[in-house]
Amino acid sequence: MARYDLVVRGGEVFTPSGLERVDLGVTGGKITAIGDLATAEAGEVVDASGLTVLPGVIDTQVHFREPGLEHKEDIHHGTRAAAKGGVTAIFEMPNTSPLTLTEVELNDKLARSKGRAWCDHAYFVGAAEENFHLLEELELAPGCAGVKVFMGSSTGSLLVEKDELLAKVLAAGRRRVAVHAEDEDMLRERQHIAKEAGHPRAHPVWRSPECALKATQRIVRLGRAAGRPVHVLHITSAEEMAFLAENKDVATVETTLNHLTMAAPECYERLGSLAQMNPPVREQHHQDALWRAIADGTVDVIGSDHAPHTLEEKQRPYPSSPSGMPGVQTLLPLLLDHMNAGRLTLARLVDLTSAGPHRIYGIAGKGRIAKGWDADLTLVDLKAKREITNKWIASKCGWTPFDGKTVTGWPIATLVRGNVVMRDEELVGEAVGEPVRFWSSLQKG
């Protein structure tokens, strides 16, 4: 009789063939059997009756603020929030203090994660003038998610705004580069709009669609010239989506749940600076264009851009109020709610949250439910109605812009490499997160 470390029984499982009523056997953290395992022995059995078993959700854009800004978030709390939201792996950004610019800072984050991270993790290295000559080697380091380029509004030397330096960064390596595309010159020229308005309703006016489009066009042109693929983050405008749809041979595309769920000016009137982020939440016709881009395949992945600040910081007068909001825990509930409202299919949801990240970044062993792959599983109740509340949020900041929102669809259990880390809204077990592996690093070894 077959024996497994863990068996998931009774659920509808999203396999590469679609939804199937099958059981999953897990041994050594990997999926080793798919089929009828009713008589199999197991060290642990997870009853998935009435649930849908999805490939583990991968959030490829979070800011966990550690080291240096732990008063708003840290790796421990951020990954707890991820696990509660059904997320099994995260990619974290380099704008911490100190910045993540060398292997020393990268390894420091990996060391901080050991025994404290509740999900698997990888860390971006930031591109800067002082480290572009190191990037080709750094992008291949174990635990490195790749290189992140900030073209507008970042911290210290992470700002890479001139074409000459951007070209040098793009020439230094081969992996897909993640890019925050806003034109810094235009931001400086238009900053008076925000200062004169004194209210976050001016945020999408200051940081205009033209500002985003200009930067996106520049990075695509430079990427094409360098023969380097780019991944353009948090796209917000109809104009950018139309442009990127014509350049998918070099550019992959992310949008976020914030931009898909909130719209200006209503969100700024209701939430004030709690709705403030970069690039900004825009008007309804832009949001409609984002949903069309999901339907036609232009969008490759959805990230949360989880970027928490304390409520006290957010209450500063605009525009001195910081941009960013928590999101890793609400990514999947909001997306399930949109699915139930008919805005996308379950297959598209899986592609945007697991298969897409695997495809874009060359993740080894994650992104689908198949034999030999990591047993990263997100069990959801597609019809459960729940209210998102600040009390539910595990992030250190303790708030969400979606407080009080009722959604249909909810994460019930989270399994990271066969370890149950969340069940029925409660974290269980231990912080078992390990570094995500990438094909590029495996090839190096």
Protein backbone atom coordinates (compact mmCIF):
# COMPACT_ATOMS: atom_id res chain seq x y z
CA MET A 1 0.00 0.00 0.00
CA ALA A 2 1.31 3.42 -0.95
CA ARG A 3 2.25 5.75 1.89
CA TYR A 4 2.70 9.52 1.71
CA ASP A 5 3.76 12.25 4.09
CA LEU A 6 0.48 14.02 3.35
CA VAL A 7 -2.63 13.40 1.28
CA VAL A 8 -5.12 16.04 0.17
CA ARG A 9 -8.46 14.29 -0.31
CA GLY A 10 -11.90 15.12 -1.62
CA GLY A 11 -11.32 18.44 -3.39
CA GLU A 12 -11.63 19.65 -6.94
CA VAL A 13 -8.04 20.11 -8.05
CA PHE A 14 -6.89 22.55 -10.72
CA THR A 15 -4.43 20.43 -12.70
CA PRO A 16 -2.91 21.29 -16.10
CA SER A 17 -6.00 19.60 -17.59
CA GLY A 18 -8.39 21.82 -15.64
CA LEU A 19 -10.56 21.01 -12.64
CA GLU A 20 -10.51 17.33 -11.68
CA ARG A 21 -11.91 15.41 -8.72
CA VAL A 22 -8.63 13.81 -7.63
CA ASP A 23 -6.51 13.37 -4.52
CA LEU A 24 -2.93 14.53 -4.15
CA GLY A 25 -0.10 12.59 -2.50
CA VAL A 26 2.88 14.51 -1.14
CA THR A 27 6.28 13.09 -0.22
CA GLY A 28 9.33 15.11 0.71
CA GLY A 29 7.56 18.38 -0.04
CA LYS A 30 6.72 17.43 -3.63
CA ILE A 31 3.61 16.13 -5.36
CA THR A 32 4.23 12.43 -5.97
CA ALA A 33 0.76 11.14 -6.82
CA ILE A 34 -2.42 12.46 -8.44
CA GLY A 35 -5.52 10.26 -8.55
CA ASP A 36 -7.71 8.17 -6.28
CA LEU A 37 -5.79 7.85 -3.01
CA ALA A 38 -8.75 6.86 -0.83
CA THR A 39 -6.92 3.81 0.55
CA ALA A 40 -3.44 5.31 0.75
CA GLU A 41 -1.76 5.72 4.11
CA ALA A 42 -0.53 9.17 5.08
CA GLY A 43 1.17 10.88 7.98
CA GLU A 44 -1.36 13.70 7.61
CA VAL A 45 -4.62 14.02 5.71
CA VAL A 46 -6.11 17.32 4.60
CA ASP A 47 -9.85 17.09 3.97
CA ALA A 48 -10.58 19.29 0.95
CA SER A 49 -14.23 18.30 0.62
CA GLY A 50 -16.23 21.18 -0.82
CA LEU A 51 -13.03 23.11 -1.62
CA THR A 52 -11.09 23.93 -4.77
CA VAL A 53 -7.36 23.18 -4.71
CA LEU A 54 -5.31 25.70 -6.68
CA PRO A 55 -1.59 25.91 -7.40
CA GLY A 56 -0.02 28.03 -4.66
CA VAL A 57 -0.47 31.75 -5.28
CA ILE A 58 2.81 33.58 -6.00
CA ASP A 59 2.89 37.33 -5.29
CA THR A 60 5.80 38.72 -7.30
CA GLN A 61 5.74 42.26 -5.89
CA VAL A 62 5.81 43.01 -2.17
CA HIS A 63 7.67 45.45 0.08
CA PHE A 64 8.31 43.97 3.52
CA ARG A 65 10.38 46.96 4.76
CA GLU A 66 13.08 44.88 6.49
CA PRO A 67 15.76 45.91 7.26
CA GLY A 68 15.45 49.52 8.31
CA LEU A 69 11.71 50.21 8.35
CA GLU A 70 10.38 47.46 10.57
CA HIS A 71 7.98 49.78 12.38
CA LYS A 72 5.62 49.43 9.38
CA GLU A 73 6.30 45.83 8.30
CA ASP A 74 8.84 43.05 8.55
CA ILE A 75 9.51 39.65 6.99
CA HIS A 76 7.78 37.77 9.81
CA HIS A 77 4.53 39.76 9.73
CA GLY A 78 4.53 40.17 5.96
CA THR A 79 4.82 36.45 5.31
CA ARG A 80 2.18 35.72 7.96
CA ALA A 81 -0.14 38.01 6.02
CA ALA A 82 0.79 36.20 2.82
CA ALA A 83 0.01 32.77 4.29
CA LYS A 84 -3.33 33.97 5.73
CA GLY A 85 -4.24 35.21 2.26
CA GLY A 86 -3.40 31.94 0.52
CA VAL A 87 -0.04 33.09 -0.87
CA THR A 88 2.70 30.45 -0.86
CA ALA A 89 5.64 32.48 -2.23
CA ILE A 90 6.60 36.16 -2.45
CA PHE A 91 9.20 38.26 -4.28
CA GLU A 92 10.34 41.25 -2.21
CA MET A 93 11.65 44.59 -3.45
CA PRO A 94 15.06 46.23 -2.80
CA ASN A 95 14.06 49.66 -1.44
CA THR A 96 14.85 48.83 2.18
CA SER A 97 17.49 50.45 4.41
CA PRO A 98 20.17 49.64 3.48
CA LEU A 99 19.18 49.18 -0.14
CA THR A 100 19.58 45.68 -1.60
CA LEU A 101 22.45 46.41 -4.00
CA THR A 102 25.03 43.70 -3.31
CA GLU A 103 25.21 40.04 -2.38
CA VAL A 104 25.83 41.09 1.22
CA GLU A 105 22.41 42.76 1.51
CA LEU A 106 20.73 39.94 -0.44
CA ASN A 107 22.19 37.30 1.87
CA ASP A 108 21.24 39.37 4.91
CA LYS A 109 17.57 39.27 3.86
CA LEU A 110 17.78 35.53 3.23
CA ALA A 111 19.34 35.01 6.66
CA ARG A 112 16.63 37.14 8.30
CA SER A 113 13.99 34.96 6.63
CA LYS A 114 15.25 31.66 7.99
CA GLY A 115 12.85 30.41 10.66
CA ARG A 116 10.75 33.61 10.42
CA ALA A 117 9.18 33.44 6.95
CA TRP A 118 5.83 31.65 6.70
CA CYS A 119 6.07 31.22 2.94
CA ASP A 120 8.80 30.77 0.36
CA HIS A 121 10.57 33.92 -0.76
CA ALA A 122 13.02 35.58 -3.13
CA TYR A 123 14.52 39.05 -3.11
CA PHE A 124 15.16 41.52 -5.91
CA VAL A 125 18.47 43.31 -6.26
CA GLY A 126 18.11 46.97 -7.16
CA ALA A 127 19.87 48.52 -10.14
CA ALA A 128 21.95 51.63 -9.41
CA GLU A 129 24.87 53.51 -10.90
CA GLU A 130 27.29 52.03 -8.36
CA ASN A 131 26.36 48.39 -8.95
CA PHE A 132 25.38 47.98 -12.62
CA HIS A 133 28.70 46.23 -13.31
CA LEU A 134 27.79 43.60 -10.66
CA LEU A 135 24.26 42.85 -11.86
CA GLU A 136 25.15 40.09 -14.32
CA GLU A 137 26.54 38.03 -11.44
CA LEU A 138 24.04 39.16 -8.81
CA GLU A 139 20.99 38.10 -10.81
CA LEU A 140 22.26 34.51 -10.70
CA ALA A 141 22.72 34.40 -6.91
CA PRO A 142 20.56 31.86 -5.05
CA GLY A 143 17.41 33.48 -3.71
CA CYS A 144 17.60 36.43 -6.12
CA ALA A 145 14.31 37.13 -7.91
CA GLY A 146 16.13 39.25 -10.48
CA VAL A 147 16.98 42.91 -11.04
CA LYS A 148 14.54 45.74 -10.24
CA VAL A 149 14.78 49.11 -12.00
CA PHE A 150 13.11 52.24 -10.64
CA MET A 151 12.74 54.84 -13.40
CA GLY A 152 10.82 57.23 -11.15
CA SER A 153 10.39 58.16 -7.49
CA SER A 154 12.52 55.77 -5.52
CA THR A 155 14.97 55.76 -2.66
CA GLY A 156 18.49 57.16 -2.98
CA SER A 157 20.60 55.69 -5.75
CA LEU A 158 17.89 53.21 -6.78
CA LEU A 159 16.57 55.91 -9.10
CA VAL A 160 17.78 55.07 -12.63
CA GLU A 161 16.28 57.78 -14.81
CA LYS A 162 18.70 58.45 -17.69
CA ASP A 163 18.76 56.35 -20.86
CA GLU A 164 22.55 55.96 -20.79
CA LEU A 165 22.53 54.24 -17.39
CA LEU A 166 19.39 52.27 -18.22
CA ALA A 167 21.15 50.90 -21.30
CA LYS A 168 24.13 49.84 -19.15
CA VAL A 169 21.82 48.08 -16.69
CA LEU A 170 19.99 46.26 -19.48
CA ALA A 171 23.28 45.16 -21.02
CA ALA A 172 24.41 43.61 -17.71
CA GLY A 173 22.67 40.24 -17.63
CA ARG A 174 20.06 38.08 -19.32
CA ARG A 175 17.15 37.51 -16.92
CA ARG A 176 13.95 39.49 -17.31
CA VAL A 177 14.22 42.89 -15.60
CA ALA A 178 11.34 44.21 -13.45
CA VAL A 179 10.66 47.92 -13.98
CA HIS A 180 8.75 50.70 -12.23
CA ALA A 181 8.06 52.96 -15.22
CA GLU A 182 7.28 56.59 -14.45
CA ASP A 183 9.22 59.44 -16.06
CA GLU A 184 11.17 61.28 -13.37
CA ASP A 185 11.62 64.49 -15.34
CA MET A 186 7.86 64.79 -15.85
CA LEU A 187 7.23 64.02 -12.17
CA ARG A 188 9.53 66.86 -11.13
CA GLU A 189 8.02 69.28 -13.62
CA ARG A 190 4.47 68.51 -12.48
CA GLN A 191 5.02 68.23 -8.72
CA HIS A 192 3.55 71.71 -8.22
CA ILE A 193 0.13 70.22 -9.12
CA ALA A 194 0.20 68.04 -6.01
CA LYS A 195 1.52 70.79 -3.75
CA GLU A 196 -1.07 73.31 -4.92
CA ALA A 197 -3.96 70.86 -4.61
CA GLY A 198 -3.06 69.63 -1.14
CA HIS A 199 -5.33 66.58 -1.51
CA PRO A 200 -4.64 63.08 -2.87
CA ARG A 201 -7.39 63.50 -5.47
CA ALA A 202 -4.61 65.29 -7.41
CA HIS A 203 -2.34 62.23 -7.31
CA PRO A 204 -3.40 60.79 -10.71
CA VAL A 205 -3.23 64.30 -12.19
CA TRP A 206 0.33 64.91 -11.02
CA ARG A 207 1.45 61.37 -11.94
CA SER A 208 -0.38 61.46 -15.25
CA PRO A 209 -0.97 58.66 -17.77
CA GLU A 210 1.46 60.46 -20.09
CA CYS A 211 4.16 60.26 -17.41
CA ALA A 212 3.72 56.49 -17.18
CA LEU A 213 3.41 55.95 -20.94
CA LYS A 214 6.58 57.89 -21.71
CA ALA A 215 8.64 55.79 -19.31
CA THR A 216 7.07 52.53 -20.51
CA GLN A 217 7.85 53.39 -24.12
CA ARG A 218 11.44 54.25 -23.18
CA ILE A 219 12.12 51.01 -21.31
CA VAL A 220 10.59 48.88 -24.07
CA ARG A 221 12.71 50.66 -26.69
CA LEU A 222 15.86 50.24 -24.61
CA GLY A 223 15.06 46.62 -23.79
CA ARG A 224 14.56 45.82 -27.45
CA ALA A 225 17.84 47.51 -28.36
CA ALA A 226 19.69 45.54 -25.67
CA GLY A 227 17.97 42.24 -26.48
CA ARG A 228 16.80 42.13 -22.87
CA PRO A 229 13.25 41.17 -21.83
CA VAL A 230 11.48 43.55 -19.44
CA HIS A 231 8.59 43.09 -17.04
CA VAL A 232 6.68 46.34 -16.59
CA LEU A 233 5.10 46.54 -13.16
CA HIS A 234 1.74 47.90 -11.97
CA ILE A 235 0.41 49.19 -15.30
CA THR A 236 -2.42 51.65 -14.66
CA SER A 237 -3.50 53.29 -17.92
CA ALA A 238 -5.37 52.47 -21.11
CA GLU A 239 -2.60 54.04 -23.18
CA GLU A 240 0.11 51.83 -21.66
CA MET A 241 -1.92 48.67 -22.17
CA ALA A 242 -2.51 49.51 -25.84
CA PHE A 243 1.22 50.13 -26.34
CA LEU A 244 2.32 47.00 -24.48
CA ALA A 245 -0.12 44.81 -26.40
CA GLU A 246 1.95 45.65 -29.50
CA ASN A 247 5.26 44.82 -27.81
CA LYS A 248 4.68 41.51 -26.06
CA ASP A 249 7.72 39.95 -27.73
CA VAL A 250 9.97 41.94 -25.37
CA ALA A 251 7.64 43.02 -22.52
CA THR A 252 5.53 41.17 -19.99
CA VAL A 253 2.90 43.03 -18.00
CA GLU A 254 1.70 43.24 -14.40
CA THR A 255 -1.30 45.04 -12.97
CA THR A 256 -2.49 45.10 -9.36
CA LEU A 257 -5.71 44.43 -7.46
CA ASN A 258 -5.69 48.01 -6.19
CA HIS A 259 -5.98 49.37 -9.72
CA LEU A 260 -8.52 46.70 -10.68
CA THR A 261 -10.74 47.33 -7.66
CA MET A 262 -10.57 51.06 -6.84
CA ALA A 263 -11.19 54.03 -9.14
CA ALA A 264 -10.65 57.78 -8.97
CA PRO A 265 -11.98 60.16 -7.86
CA GLU A 266 -14.25 58.12 -5.53
CA CYS A 267 -11.44 56.27 -3.75
CA TYR A 268 -9.60 59.50 -2.88
CA GLU A 269 -12.74 61.20 -1.60
CA ARG A 270 -13.59 58.18 0.56
CA LEU A 271 -10.13 57.03 1.69
CA GLY A 272 -7.89 60.06 1.26
CA SER A 273 -4.22 59.13 1.33
CA LEU A 274 -5.04 55.50 2.20
CA ALA A 275 -5.71 55.16 -1.56
CA GLN A 276 -2.43 56.87 -2.49
CA MET A 277 0.14 54.74 -4.29
CA ASN A 278 2.62 54.97 -7.18
CA PRO A 279 1.62 54.75 -9.98
CA PRO A 280 -1.76 56.07 -8.88
CA VAL A 281 -5.23 54.58 -8.96
CA ARG A 282 -6.88 56.21 -11.98
CA GLU A 283 -10.36 56.88 -13.36
CA GLN A 284 -12.89 54.20 -14.29
CA HIS A 285 -12.10 54.18 -18.03
CA HIS A 286 -8.51 53.23 -17.22
CA GLN A 287 -9.69 50.44 -14.94
CA ASP A 288 -11.98 49.19 -17.71
CA ALA A 289 -8.94 49.04 -20.01
CA LEU A 290 -7.03 46.97 -17.43
CA TRP A 291 -9.85 44.42 -17.33
CA ARG A 292 -9.92 44.28 -21.15
CA ALA A 293 -6.17 43.62 -21.07
CA ILE A 294 -6.75 40.73 -18.69
CA ALA A 295 -9.42 39.33 -21.01
CA ASP A 296 -7.28 39.58 -24.16
CA GLY A 297 -4.10 38.18 -22.55
CA THR A 298 -2.00 41.35 -22.49
CA VAL A 299 -1.62 41.07 -18.70
CA ASP A 300 0.72 38.24 -17.65
CA VAL A 301 0.58 38.45 -13.86
CA ILE A 302 -1.20 40.19 -11.00
CA GLY A 303 0.81 41.40 -8.02
CA SER A 304 -0.26 43.09 -4.82
CA ASP A 305 2.43 45.79 -4.63
CA HIS A 306 2.07 45.31 -0.87
CA ALA A 307 3.70 48.49 0.46
CA PRO A 308 2.46 49.26 3.98
CA HIS A 309 2.86 52.43 6.03
CA THR A 310 1.50 53.19 9.47
CA LEU A 311 -1.81 55.02 9.74
CA GLU A 312 0.04 57.89 11.43
CA GLU A 313 2.35 58.25 8.43
CA LYS A 314 -0.57 58.09 6.03
CA GLN A 315 -2.29 60.94 7.87
CA ARG A 316 0.43 63.43 6.99
CA PRO A 317 -0.75 66.30 4.76
CA TYR A 318 -0.65 65.47 1.06
CA PRO A 319 1.73 65.25 -0.78
CA SER A 320 4.05 64.53 2.18
CA SER A 321 1.88 61.49 2.93
CA PRO A 322 3.73 58.34 1.76
CA SER A 323 2.50 56.30 -1.21
CA GLY A 324 1.67 52.64 -0.79
CA MET A 325 -0.79 50.33 0.94
CA PRO A 326 -0.90 46.73 2.21
CA GLY A 327 -2.20 44.11 -0.21
CA VAL A 328 -0.56 40.67 -0.04
CA GLN A 329 -3.32 39.26 2.22
CA THR A 330 -6.21 40.65 0.17
CA LEU A 331 -4.89 39.75 -3.30
CA LEU A 332 -6.60 36.37 -3.58
CA PRO A 333 -9.91 37.22 -1.82
CA LEU A 334 -10.37 40.25 -4.09
CA LEU A 335 -9.48 38.26 -7.19
CA LEU A 336 -11.89 35.46 -6.25
CA ASP A 337 -14.59 38.08 -5.76
CA HIS A 338 -13.91 39.52 -9.22
CA MET A 339 -14.08 35.98 -10.62
CA ASN A 340 -17.45 35.39 -9.00
CA ALA A 341 -18.64 38.69 -10.48
CA GLY A 342 -17.79 37.34 -13.94
CA ARG A 343 -14.73 39.50 -14.66
CA LEU A 344 -12.39 36.54 -15.24
CA THR A 345 -12.44 32.75 -15.21
CA LEU A 346 -10.83 30.46 -12.68
CA ALA A 347 -8.36 29.34 -15.35
CA ARG A 348 -7.34 32.95 -15.96
CA LEU A 349 -7.00 33.52 -12.21
CA VAL A 350 -4.61 30.57 -11.94
CA ASP A 351 -2.61 31.78 -14.92
CA LEU A 352 -2.22 35.26 -13.41
CA THR A 353 -1.21 34.08 -9.94
CA SER A 354 0.85 30.92 -10.45
CA ALA A 355 1.56 29.89 -14.05
CA GLY A 356 2.31 33.49 -15.04
CA PRO A 357 4.96 34.09 -12.36
CA HIS A 358 6.55 30.71 -13.19
CA ARG A 359 6.69 31.61 -16.88
CA ILE A 360 8.00 35.17 -16.45
CA TYR A 361 10.73 34.53 -13.91
CA GLY A 362 11.81 30.97 -14.65
CA ILE A 363 10.78 29.63 -11.24
CA ALA A 364 11.88 26.04 -10.64
CA GLY A 365 9.16 23.64 -9.47
CA LYS A 366 6.38 26.11 -8.66
CA GLY A 367 3.31 27.34 -10.52
CA ARG A 368 1.29 24.21 -11.30
CA ILE A 369 -0.11 21.09 -9.71
CA ALA A 370 1.77 18.23 -11.34
CA LYS A 371 3.91 15.28 -10.30
CA GLY A 372 7.41 16.30 -9.28
CA TRP A 373 6.47 19.91 -8.54
CA ASP A 374 6.54 21.55 -5.10
CA ALA A 375 3.40 20.85 -3.09
CA ASP A 376 2.46 24.53 -2.87
CA LEU A 377 -1.33 24.52 -2.64
CA THR A 378 -3.99 27.13 -1.97
CA LEU A 379 -7.34 25.66 -0.90
CA VAL A 380 -10.27 28.01 -1.45
CA ASP A 381 -14.00 28.01 -0.92
CA LEU A 382 -15.24 29.62 -4.11
CA LYS A 383 -18.66 30.50 -2.65
CA ALA A 384 -17.79 31.53 0.91
CA LYS A 385 -18.88 35.06 1.74
CA ARG A 386 -16.55 36.89 4.11
CA GLU A 387 -15.90 40.46 5.18
CA ILE A 388 -12.38 41.85 4.87
CA THR A 389 -11.59 43.71 8.10
CA ASN A 390 -8.63 45.47 9.66
CA LYS A 391 -8.82 42.94 12.50
CA TRP A 392 -8.14 40.08 10.05
CA ILE A 393 -5.02 41.74 8.65
CA ALA A 394 -1.74 40.19 9.88
CA SER A 395 0.54 42.90 8.48
CA LYS A 396 2.33 44.98 11.07
CA CYS A 397 0.56 48.14 9.87
CA GLY A 398 -2.81 46.62 10.90
CA TRP A 399 -5.05 48.15 8.22
CA THR A 400 -6.36 47.62 4.70
CA PRO A 401 -8.07 50.04 2.30
CA PHE A 402 -10.67 47.31 1.80
CA ASP A 403 -11.83 47.25 5.44
CA GLY A 404 -15.55 46.46 5.49
CA LYS A 405 -15.70 45.03 1.96
CA THR A 406 -17.65 41.77 1.60
CA VAL A 407 -16.25 39.31 -0.93
CA THR A 408 -17.31 35.96 -2.38
CA GLY A 409 -14.47 33.43 -2.40
CA TRP A 410 -11.99 32.90 0.43
CA PRO A 411 -8.70 31.09 1.16
CA ILE A 412 -9.30 28.21 3.58
CA ALA A 413 -5.86 26.57 3.77
CA THR A 414 -2.32 27.29 2.61
CA LEU A 415 0.27 24.55 2.05
CA VAL A 416 3.93 25.41 1.44
CA ARG A 417 5.86 22.40 0.11
CA GLY A 418 3.37 20.10 1.79
CA ASN A 419 3.42 21.94 5.12
CA VAL A 420 0.05 23.25 6.28
CA VAL A 421 0.76 26.82 7.43
CA MET A 422 -2.79 28.21 7.45
CA ARG A 423 -6.14 26.56 8.04
CA ASP A 424 -9.50 28.29 8.59
CA GLU A 425 -7.96 31.76 8.93
CA GLU A 426 -5.49 30.60 11.60
CA LEU A 427 -1.75 30.17 11.14
CA VAL A 428 -0.62 26.69 12.18
CA GLY A 429 2.65 24.84 12.39
CA GLU A 430 5.90 26.74 11.96
CA ALA A 431 7.53 29.32 9.72
CA VAL A 432 8.92 26.90 7.13
CA GLY A 433 9.64 29.33 4.27
CA GLU A 434 12.70 28.68 2.12
CA PRO A 435 14.30 30.56 -0.80
CA VAL A 436 12.56 30.15 -4.15
CA ARG A 437 14.74 28.42 -6.75
CA PHE A 438 15.19 29.68 -10.30
CA TRP A 439 16.39 27.94 -13.44
CA SER A 440 19.11 30.55 -13.90
CA SER A 441 20.63 29.77 -10.50
CA LEU A 442 20.37 26.02 -11.03
CA GLN A 443 22.17 26.34 -14.36
CA LYS A 444 24.90 28.36 -12.67
CA GLY A 445 25.45 25.55 -10.16
